[in-house]
Amino acid sequence: MSMARSDVIAVLGPVDESLIAEIIATGATADDLAQAWAWVNSDEALVGELRPLPTGKVAELADLLEPDDDDEL
């Protein structure tokens, strides 16, 4: 089942409307988004737990959620 705006906000908190639209357009589920959010925020811990790297929709969402290198400056 695809996500609604409220599902995205429930996982990520307040975010930009364009990001919400991009996330919904992937056709991913709220569970996919939660997994991607976990990878973006704690990838070293998840690798340490020997979890496989994200693939499919989770990987696509993780790419959307990763900060751009320009944003880190």
N, C-alpha and C. Protein backbone atom coordinates (compact mmCIF):
# COMPACT_ATOMS: atom_id res chain seq x y z
N MET A 1 0.84 -1.18 0.00
CA MET A 1 0.00 0.00 0.00
C MET A 1 0.88 1.24 0.00
N SER A 2 0.60 2.16 -0.89
CA SER A 2 1.38 3.39 -1.01
C SER A 2 1.17 4.28 0.21
N MET A 3 2.06 5.21 0.37
CA MET A 3 2.00 6.12 1.50
C MET A 3 1.19 7.36 1.18
N ALA A 4 0.68 7.96 2.22
CA ALA A 4 0.04 9.27 2.16
C ALA A 4 0.99 10.27 2.82
N ARG A 5 0.71 11.53 2.65
CA ARG A 5 1.50 12.60 3.25
C ARG A 5 1.66 12.36 4.75
N SER A 6 0.58 11.98 5.41
CA SER A 6 0.62 11.77 6.86
C SER A 6 1.56 10.62 7.25
N ASP A 7 1.67 9.61 6.39
CA ASP A 7 2.59 8.49 6.66
C ASP A 7 4.04 8.97 6.63
N VAL A 8 4.35 9.80 5.65
CA VAL A 8 5.72 10.33 5.52
C VAL A 8 6.07 11.16 6.75
N ILE A 9 5.15 12.03 7.15
CA ILE A 9 5.39 12.90 8.31
C ILE A 9 5.49 12.07 9.59
N ALA A 10 4.74 10.99 9.68
CA ALA A 10 4.80 10.13 10.87
C ALA A 10 6.18 9.51 11.03
N VAL A 11 6.85 9.21 9.92
CA VAL A 11 8.18 8.60 9.97
C VAL A 11 9.27 9.66 10.10
N LEU A 12 9.20 10.72 9.28
CA LEU A 12 10.28 11.69 9.20
C LEU A 12 10.09 12.94 10.04
N GLY A 13 8.87 13.21 10.44
CA GLY A 13 8.58 14.49 11.08
C GLY A 13 8.36 15.53 10.00
N PRO A 14 8.33 16.81 10.36
CA PRO A 14 8.08 17.85 9.36
C PRO A 14 9.21 17.91 8.33
N VAL A 15 8.85 17.79 7.06
CA VAL A 15 9.82 17.88 5.98
C VAL A 15 9.23 18.69 4.83
N ASP A 16 10.08 19.05 3.90
CA ASP A 16 9.70 19.83 2.74
C ASP A 16 8.64 19.11 1.90
N GLU A 17 7.67 19.87 1.41
CA GLU A 17 6.59 19.28 0.62
C GLU A 17 7.09 18.60 -0.65
N SER A 18 8.15 19.14 -1.25
CA SER A 18 8.68 18.51 -2.46
C SER A 18 9.30 17.15 -2.15
N LEU A 19 9.93 17.02 -0.99
CA LEU A 19 10.47 15.72 -0.58
C LEU A 19 9.34 14.73 -0.32
N ILE A 20 8.28 15.19 0.31
CA ILE A 20 7.12 14.33 0.55
C ILE A 20 6.59 13.80 -0.78
N ALA A 21 6.46 14.69 -1.77
CA ALA A 21 5.95 14.29 -3.08
C ALA A 21 6.88 13.28 -3.75
N GLU A 22 8.19 13.49 -3.65
CA GLU A 22 9.15 12.56 -4.24
C GLU A 22 9.05 11.18 -3.57
N ILE A 23 8.91 11.18 -2.26
CA ILE A 23 8.82 9.92 -1.52
C ILE A 23 7.55 9.16 -1.91
N ILE A 24 6.44 9.85 -1.95
CA ILE A 24 5.17 9.21 -2.31
C ILE A 24 5.23 8.68 -3.74
N ALA A 25 5.90 9.41 -4.63
CA ALA A 25 6.00 9.01 -6.04
C ALA A 25 6.76 7.70 -6.23
N THR A 26 7.57 7.30 -5.24
CA THR A 26 8.31 6.04 -5.38
C THR A 26 7.39 4.83 -5.31
N GLY A 27 6.23 5.01 -4.71
CA GLY A 27 5.32 3.87 -4.53
C GLY A 27 5.71 2.97 -3.38
N ALA A 28 6.65 3.42 -2.57
CA ALA A 28 7.12 2.63 -1.43
C ALA A 28 6.09 2.64 -0.30
N THR A 29 6.29 1.77 0.67
CA THR A 29 5.43 1.70 1.84
C THR A 29 6.05 2.48 3.00
N ALA A 30 5.26 2.70 4.03
CA ALA A 30 5.77 3.36 5.24
C ALA A 30 6.87 2.52 5.88
N ASP A 31 6.75 1.20 5.81
CA ASP A 31 7.80 0.32 6.34
C ASP A 31 9.10 0.50 5.56
N ASP A 32 9.00 0.61 4.24
CA ASP A 32 10.19 0.88 3.42
C ASP A 32 10.85 2.18 3.85
N LEU A 33 10.02 3.21 4.07
CA LEU A 33 10.54 4.52 4.46
C LEU A 33 11.22 4.44 5.83
N ALA A 34 10.62 3.72 6.75
CA ALA A 34 11.22 3.58 8.09
C ALA A 34 12.57 2.87 8.00
N GLN A 35 12.67 1.86 7.15
CA GLN A 35 13.95 1.16 6.97
C GLN A 35 14.99 2.08 6.35
N ALA A 36 14.59 2.84 5.35
CA ALA A 36 15.52 3.77 4.70
C ALA A 36 16.00 4.83 5.68
N TRP A 37 15.08 5.35 6.49
CA TRP A 37 15.42 6.37 7.48
C TRP A 37 16.43 5.81 8.49
N ALA A 38 16.24 4.56 8.88
CA ALA A 38 17.18 3.92 9.81
C ALA A 38 18.55 3.81 9.17
N TRP A 39 18.62 3.44 7.89
CA TRP A 39 19.91 3.32 7.21
C TRP A 39 20.61 4.67 7.11
N VAL A 40 19.86 5.69 6.77
CA VAL A 40 20.46 7.03 6.61
C VAL A 40 21.01 7.54 7.93
N ASN A 41 20.34 7.21 9.01
CA ASN A 41 20.73 7.75 10.32
C ASN A 41 21.65 6.87 11.13
N SER A 42 21.81 5.61 10.74
CA SER A 42 22.68 4.74 11.54
C SER A 42 23.24 3.59 10.70
N ASP A 43 23.74 3.92 9.52
CA ASP A 43 24.21 2.86 8.62
C ASP A 43 25.34 2.03 9.22
N GLU A 44 26.25 2.66 9.97
CA GLU A 44 27.36 1.90 10.55
C GLU A 44 26.86 0.87 11.56
N ALA A 45 25.87 1.25 12.35
CA ALA A 45 25.32 0.32 13.33
C ALA A 45 24.62 -0.85 12.64
N LEU A 46 23.89 -0.57 11.57
CA LEU A 46 23.18 -1.63 10.86
C LEU A 46 24.15 -2.57 10.15
N VAL A 47 25.23 -2.03 9.60
CA VAL A 47 26.25 -2.88 8.99
C VAL A 47 26.90 -3.73 10.06
N GLY A 48 27.13 -3.13 11.24
CA GLY A 48 27.71 -3.86 12.35
C GLY A 48 26.83 -5.02 12.80
N GLU A 49 25.53 -4.89 12.59
CA GLU A 49 24.59 -5.98 12.92
C GLU A 49 24.52 -7.00 11.78
N LEU A 50 25.35 -6.80 10.76
CA LEU A 50 25.42 -7.68 9.59
C LEU A 50 24.12 -7.68 8.77
N ARG A 51 23.41 -6.57 8.80
CA ARG A 51 22.21 -6.47 7.97
C ARG A 51 22.65 -6.22 6.53
N PRO A 52 21.95 -6.80 5.57
CA PRO A 52 22.30 -6.55 4.17
C PRO A 52 22.04 -5.10 3.80
N LEU A 53 22.83 -4.58 2.87
CA LEU A 53 22.62 -3.21 2.40
C LEU A 53 21.24 -3.09 1.77
N PRO A 54 20.65 -1.90 1.86
CA PRO A 54 19.30 -1.74 1.31
C PRO A 54 19.29 -1.91 -0.21
N THR A 55 18.18 -2.44 -0.71
CA THR A 55 17.98 -2.60 -2.14
C THR A 55 16.57 -2.14 -2.47
N GLY A 56 16.25 -2.07 -3.74
CA GLY A 56 14.91 -1.76 -4.19
C GLY A 56 14.42 -0.42 -3.69
N LYS A 57 13.17 -0.40 -3.24
CA LYS A 57 12.53 0.84 -2.78
C LYS A 57 13.25 1.44 -1.59
N VAL A 58 13.76 0.60 -0.69
CA VAL A 58 14.47 1.11 0.49
C VAL A 58 15.72 1.87 0.05
N ALA A 59 16.45 1.33 -0.90
CA ALA A 59 17.65 2.01 -1.41
C ALA A 59 17.28 3.31 -2.12
N GLU A 60 16.19 3.28 -2.89
CA GLU A 60 15.74 4.48 -3.59
C GLU A 60 15.38 5.58 -2.59
N LEU A 61 14.68 5.21 -1.54
CA LEU A 61 14.31 6.18 -0.50
C LEU A 61 15.54 6.68 0.25
N ALA A 62 16.48 5.80 0.54
CA ALA A 62 17.70 6.22 1.23
C ALA A 62 18.45 7.26 0.41
N ASP A 63 18.47 7.08 -0.91
CA ASP A 63 19.11 8.07 -1.78
C ASP A 63 18.41 9.42 -1.69
N LEU A 64 17.09 9.41 -1.62
CA LEU A 64 16.35 10.67 -1.49
C LEU A 64 16.60 11.34 -0.14
N LEU A 65 16.80 10.53 0.89
CA LEU A 65 16.95 11.07 2.24
C LEU A 65 18.37 11.48 2.59
N GLU A 66 19.36 10.95 1.86
CA GLU A 66 20.76 11.29 2.12
C GLU A 66 20.98 12.78 1.87
N PRO A 67 21.63 13.47 2.78
CA PRO A 67 21.94 14.88 2.52
C PRO A 67 22.92 15.01 1.36
N ASP A 68 22.73 16.04 0.56
CA ASP A 68 23.68 16.32 -0.52
C ASP A 68 24.99 16.75 0.12
N ASP A 69 26.09 16.49 -0.58
CA ASP A 69 27.39 16.92 -0.06
C ASP A 69 27.43 18.42 0.13
N ASP A 70 26.74 19.17 -0.73
CA ASP A 70 26.71 20.62 -0.61
C ASP A 70 26.03 21.07 0.67
N ASP A 71 25.04 20.28 1.15
CA ASP A 71 24.32 20.63 2.36
C ASP A 71 25.17 20.49 3.61
N GLU A 72 26.24 19.71 3.53
CA GLU A 72 27.06 19.45 4.71
C GLU A 72 28.12 20.53 4.94
N LEU A 73 28.30 21.41 4.00
CA LEU A 73 29.34 22.45 4.14
C LEU A 73 28.92 23.55 5.04
